[in-house]
PDB file of N, CA and C in Angstrom:
ATOM      1  N   MET A   1    -111.137 -58.119-148.576  1.00  0.00           N
ATOM      2  CA  MET A   1    -110.247 -57.028-148.614  1.00  0.00           C
ATOM      3  C   MET A   1    -109.310 -57.162-149.534  1.00  0.00           C
ATOM      4  N   ALA A   2    -108.807 -58.520-149.648  1.00  0.00           N
ATOM      5  CA  ALA A   2    -107.758 -58.859-150.591  1.00  0.00           C
ATOM      6  C   ALA A   2    -107.949 -58.270-152.143  1.00  0.00           C
ATOM      7  N   ASP A   3    -109.484 -58.361-152.359  1.00  0.00           N
ATOM      8  CA  ASP A   3    -109.873 -58.145-153.848  1.00  0.00           C
ATOM      9  C   ASP A   3    -109.840 -56.605-153.927  1.00  0.00           C
ATOM     10  N   LEU A   4    -110.275 -55.815-152.833  1.00  0.00           N
ATOM     11  CA  LEU A   4    -110.146 -54.439-152.662  1.00  0.00           C
ATOM     12  C   LEU A   4    -108.657 -53.658-153.107  1.00  0.00           C
ATOM     13  N   ASN A   5    -107.697 -54.582-152.698  1.00  0.00           N
ATOM     14  CA  ASN A   5    -106.280 -54.071-152.994  1.00  0.00           C
ATOM     15  C   ASN A   5    -106.077 -54.117-154.292  1.00  0.00           C
ATOM     16  N   ARG A   6    -106.580 -54.835-155.265  1.00  0.00           N
ATOM     17  CA  ARG A   6    -106.369 -55.087-156.327  1.00  0.00           C
ATOM     18  C   ARG A   6    -106.793 -54.094-157.313  1.00  0.00           C
ATOM     19  N   LEU A   7    -107.948 -53.207-156.759  1.00  0.00           N
ATOM     20  CA  LEU A   7    -108.270 -52.021-157.568  1.00  0.00           C
ATOM     21  C   LEU A   7    -107.292 -51.147-158.268  1.00  0.00           C
ATOM     22  N   ARG A   8    -107.845 -50.652-159.297  1.00  0.00           N
ATOM     23  CA  ARG A   8    -106.839 -49.393-159.780  1.00  0.00           C
ATOM     24  C   ARG A   8    -106.554 -48.427-158.773  1.00  0.00           C
ATOM     25  N   GLY A   9    -105.467 -48.308-158.162  1.00  0.00           N
ATOM     26  CA  GLY A   9    -105.418 -47.266-157.231  1.00  0.00           C
ATOM     27  C   GLY A   9    -104.726 -47.724-155.784  1.00  0.00           C
ATOM     28  N   GLY A  10    -105.080 -49.190-155.664  1.00  0.00           N
ATOM     29  CA  GLY A  10    -104.487 -49.874-154.440  1.00  0.00           C
ATOM     30  C   GLY A  10    -105.063 -49.786-153.366  1.00  0.00           C
ATOM     31  N   GLY A  11    -104.684 -50.033-152.248  1.00  0.00           N
ATOM     32  CA  GLY A  11    -105.031 -50.634-151.095  1.00  0.00           C
ATOM     33  C   GLY A  11    -105.731 -49.201-150.243  1.00  0.00           C
ATOM     34  N   ALA A  12    -105.259 -48.180-150.806  1.00  0.00           N
ATOM     35  CA  ALA A  12    -105.918 -46.780-149.965  1.00  0.00           C
ATOM     36  C   ALA A  12    -107.484 -46.827-150.443  1.00  0.00           C
ATOM     37  N   ILE A  13    -107.711 -47.055-151.621  1.00  0.00           N
ATOM     38  CA  ILE A  13    -109.078 -47.103-152.082  1.00  0.00           C
ATOM     39  C   ILE A  13    -109.865 -48.188-151.369  1.00  0.00           C
ATOM     40  N   GLY A  14    -109.430 -49.319-151.285  1.00  0.00           N
ATOM     41  CA  GLY A  14    -109.969 -50.564-150.505  1.00  0.00           C
ATOM     42  C   GLY A  14    -110.123 -50.193-149.204  1.00  0.00           C
ATOM     43  N   ARG A  15    -109.366 -49.557-148.560  1.00  0.00           N
ATOM     44  CA  ARG A  15    -109.749 -49.123-147.123  1.00  0.00           C
ATOM     45  C   ARG A  15    -110.707 -48.209-147.118  1.00  0.00           C
ATOM     46  N   ALA A  16    -110.710 -47.074-147.910  1.00  0.00           N
ATOM     47  CA  ALA A  16    -111.786 -45.942-147.920  1.00  0.00           C
ATOM     48  C   ALA A  16    -113.088 -46.729-147.978  1.00  0.00           C
ATOM     49  N   ILE A  17    -113.294 -47.760-148.984  1.00  0.00           N
ATOM     50  CA  ILE A  17    -114.478 -48.348-149.227  1.00  0.00           C
ATOM     51  C   ILE A  17    -115.012 -49.186-148.223  1.00  0.00           C
ATOM     52  N   VAL A  18    -114.037 -49.778-147.328  1.00  0.00           N
ATOM     53  CA  VAL A  18    -114.521 -50.785-146.284  1.00  0.00           C
ATOM     54  C   VAL A  18    -114.758 -49.758-145.027  1.00  0.00           C
ATOM     55  N   ALA A  19    -114.182 -48.470-144.905  1.00  0.00           N
ATOM     56  CA  ALA A  19    -114.467 -47.791-143.650  1.00  0.00           C
ATOM     57  C   ALA A  19    -116.009 -47.139-143.829  1.00  0.00           C
ATOM     58  N   LYS A  20    -116.588 -47.022-144.807  1.00  0.00           N
ATOM     59  CA  LYS A  20    -117.789 -46.265-145.034  1.00  0.00           C
ATOM     60  C   LYS A  20    -118.905 -47.220-145.426  1.00  0.00           C
ATOM     61  N   ARG A  21    -118.594 -48.622-145.101  1.00  0.00           N
ATOM     62  CA  ARG A  21    -119.746 -49.732-145.311  1.00  0.00           C
ATOM     63  C   ARG A  21    -120.941 -49.389-144.358  1.00  0.00           C
ATOM     64  N   PRO A  22    -122.205 -50.011-144.870  1.00  0.00           N
ATOM     65  CA  PRO A  22    -122.520 -50.721-145.883  1.00  0.00           C
ATOM     66  C   PRO A  22    -123.090 -49.611-147.041  1.00  0.00           C
ATOM     67  N   TYR A  23    -123.272 -50.395-148.059  1.00  0.00           N
ATOM     68  CA  TYR A  23    -123.649 -49.784-149.525  1.00  0.00           C
ATOM     69  C   TYR A  23    -124.950 -50.594-149.810  1.00  0.00           C
ATOM     70  N   THR A  24    -125.692 -49.787-150.615  1.00  0.00           N
ATOM     71  CA  THR A  24    -126.845 -50.712-151.272  1.00  0.00           C
ATOM     72  C   THR A  24    -126.651 -50.495-152.695  1.00  0.00           C
ATOM     73  N   SER A  25    -125.525 -49.631-153.216  1.00  0.00           N
ATOM     74  CA  SER A  25    -125.258 -49.567-154.626  1.00  0.00           C
ATOM     75  C   SER A  25    -123.897 -48.891-154.917  1.00  0.00           C
ATOM     76  N   VAL A  26    -123.402 -49.242-156.060  1.00  0.00           N
ATOM     77  CA  VAL A  26    -121.962 -48.802-156.346  1.00  0.00           C
ATOM     78  C   VAL A  26    -122.046 -47.148-156.181  1.00  0.00           C
ATOM     79  N   GLU A  27    -123.107 -46.705-156.831  1.00  0.00           N
ATOM     80  CA  GLU A  27    -123.107 -45.128-156.863  1.00  0.00           C
ATOM     81  C   GLU A  27    -122.947 -44.479-155.382  1.00  0.00           C
ATOM     82  N   GLN A  28    -123.194 -45.327-154.315  1.00  0.00           N
ATOM     83  CA  GLN A  28    -123.242 -44.754-152.897  1.00  0.00           C
ATOM     84  C   GLN A  28    -121.760 -44.277-152.641  1.00  0.00           C
ATOM     85  N   LEU A  29    -120.598 -44.845-153.578  1.00  0.00           N
ATOM     86  CA  LEU A  29    -119.275 -44.750-153.161  1.00  0.00           C
ATOM     87  C   LEU A  29    -119.086 -43.254-153.462  1.00  0.00           C
ATOM     88  N   LEU A  30    -119.973 -42.552-154.316  1.00  0.00           N
ATOM     89  CA  LEU A  30    -119.831 -41.058-154.493  1.00  0.00           C
ATOM     90  C   LEU A  30    -120.813 -40.321-153.509  1.00  0.00           C
ATOM     91  N   SER A  31    -122.058 -40.794-153.431  1.00  0.00           N
ATOM     92  CA  SER A  31    -123.006 -39.996-152.614  1.00  0.00           C
ATOM     93  C   SER A  31    -122.454 -40.088-151.103  1.00  0.00           C
ATOM     94  N   LYS A  32    -121.903 -41.030-150.462  1.00  0.00           N
ATOM     95  CA  LYS A  32    -121.226 -41.097-149.259  1.00  0.00           C
ATOM     96  C   LYS A  32    -119.833 -40.353-149.213  1.00  0.00           C
ATOM     97  N   ARG A  33    -119.698 -39.857-150.410  1.00  0.00           N
ATOM     98  CA  ARG A  33    -118.203 -39.065-150.370  1.00  0.00           C
ATOM     99  C   ARG A  33    -117.055 -40.001-150.114  1.00  0.00           C
ATOM    100  N   VAL A  34    -116.988 -41.163-150.310  1.00  0.00           N
ATOM    101  CA  VAL A  34    -115.986 -42.193-150.072  1.00  0.00           C
ATOM    102  C   VAL A  34    -114.991 -41.871-151.145  1.00  0.00           C
ATOM    103  N   LEU A  35    -115.356 -41.892-152.486  1.00  0.00           N
ATOM    104  CA  LEU A  35    -114.285 -41.632-153.563  1.00  0.00           C
ATOM    105  C   LEU A  35    -114.700 -40.316-154.344  1.00  0.00           C
ATOM    106  N   SER A  36    -113.632 -39.538-154.949  1.00  0.00           N
ATOM    107  CA  SER A  36    -113.834 -38.542-155.957  1.00  0.00           C
ATOM    108  C   SER A  36    -114.349 -39.123-157.072  1.00  0.00           C
ATOM    109  N   ARG A  37    -114.982 -38.308-158.015  1.00  0.00           N
ATOM    110  CA  ARG A  37    -115.584 -38.834-159.216  1.00  0.00           C
ATOM    111  C   ARG A  37    -114.447 -39.321-160.119  1.00  0.00           C
ATOM    112  N   PRO A  38    -113.142 -38.801-160.227  1.00  0.00           N
ATOM    113  CA  PRO A  38    -112.478 -39.303-161.314  1.00  0.00           C
ATOM    114  C   PRO A  38    -111.785 -40.643-160.589  1.00  0.00           C
ATOM    115  N   VAL A  39    -111.908 -41.066-159.444  1.00  0.00           N
ATOM    116  CA  VAL A  39    -111.340 -42.019-158.972  1.00  0.00           C
ATOM    117  C   VAL A  39    -112.516 -43.097-159.282  1.00  0.00           C
ATOM    118  N   TYR A  40    -113.751 -42.694-158.656  1.00  0.00           N
ATOM    119  CA  TYR A  40    -114.879 -43.662-158.963  1.00  0.00           C
ATOM    120  C   TYR A  40    -115.045 -44.045-160.404  1.00  0.00           C
ATOM    121  N   GLU A  41    -114.923 -43.111-161.433  1.00  0.00           N
ATOM    122  CA  GLU A  41    -114.738 -43.409-162.866  1.00  0.00           C
ATOM    123  C   GLU A  41    -113.827 -44.425-163.202  1.00  0.00           C
ATOM    124  N   LYS A  42    -112.603 -44.150-162.626  1.00  0.00           N
ATOM    125  CA  LYS A  42    -111.443 -45.127-162.856  1.00  0.00           C
ATOM    126  C   LYS A  42    -111.848 -46.613-162.394  1.00  0.00           C
ATOM    127  N   ILE A  43    -112.637 -46.967-161.323  1.00  0.00           N
ATOM    128  CA  ILE A  43    -112.653 -48.176-160.957  1.00  0.00           C
ATOM    129  C   ILE A  43    -114.209 -48.797-160.774  1.00  0.00           C
ATOM    130  N   LYS A  44    -115.067 -48.083-161.288  1.00  0.00           N
ATOM    131  CA  LYS A  44    -116.350 -48.327-161.179  1.00  0.00           C
ATOM    132  C   LYS A  44    -116.899 -49.670-161.776  1.00  0.00           C
ATOM    133  N   ASP A  45    -116.119 -50.137-163.087  1.00  0.00           N
ATOM    134  CA  ASP A  45    -116.444 -51.377-163.657  1.00  0.00           C
ATOM    135  C   ASP A  45    -115.717 -52.506-162.858  1.00  0.00           C
ATOM    136  N   GLN A  46    -115.017 -52.230-161.799  1.00  0.00           N
ATOM    137  CA  GLN A  46    -114.533 -53.360-161.022  1.00  0.00           C
ATOM    138  C   GLN A  46    -115.012 -53.480-159.719  1.00  0.00           C
ATOM    139  N   VAL A  47    -116.110 -52.815-159.262  1.00  0.00           N
ATOM    140  CA  VAL A  47    -116.792 -53.041-157.821  1.00  0.00           C
ATOM    141  C   VAL A  47    -118.070 -53.350-158.243  1.00  0.00           C
ATOM    142  N   THR A  48    -118.685 -54.141-157.111  1.00  0.00           N
ATOM    143  CA  THR A  48    -119.884 -54.566-157.012  1.00  0.00           C
ATOM    144  C   THR A  48    -120.513 -54.483-155.691  1.00  0.00           C
ATOM    145  N   VAL A  49    -121.730 -54.454-155.516  1.00  0.00           N
ATOM    146  CA  VAL A  49    -122.207 -54.360-154.147  1.00  0.00           C
ATOM    147  C   VAL A  49    -123.093 -55.763-153.860  1.00  0.00           C
ATOM    148  N   ARG A  50    -122.721 -56.336-152.852  1.00  0.00           N
ATOM    149  CA  ARG A  50    -123.255 -57.806-152.480  1.00  0.00           C
ATOM    150  C   ARG A  50    -124.282 -57.544-151.311  1.00  0.00           C
TER     151      ARG A  50
END
């Protein structure tokens, strides 16, 4: 979770991502309506799915 708090946009984005887990791809942040497209575009280069 600490890594998610370092995303552009801060802890609120990290909490939203954690709340909707699991993911099989980064694109699911959009398809599961976790993030809006502008927020996704801002952080997509900072996130990975493991």
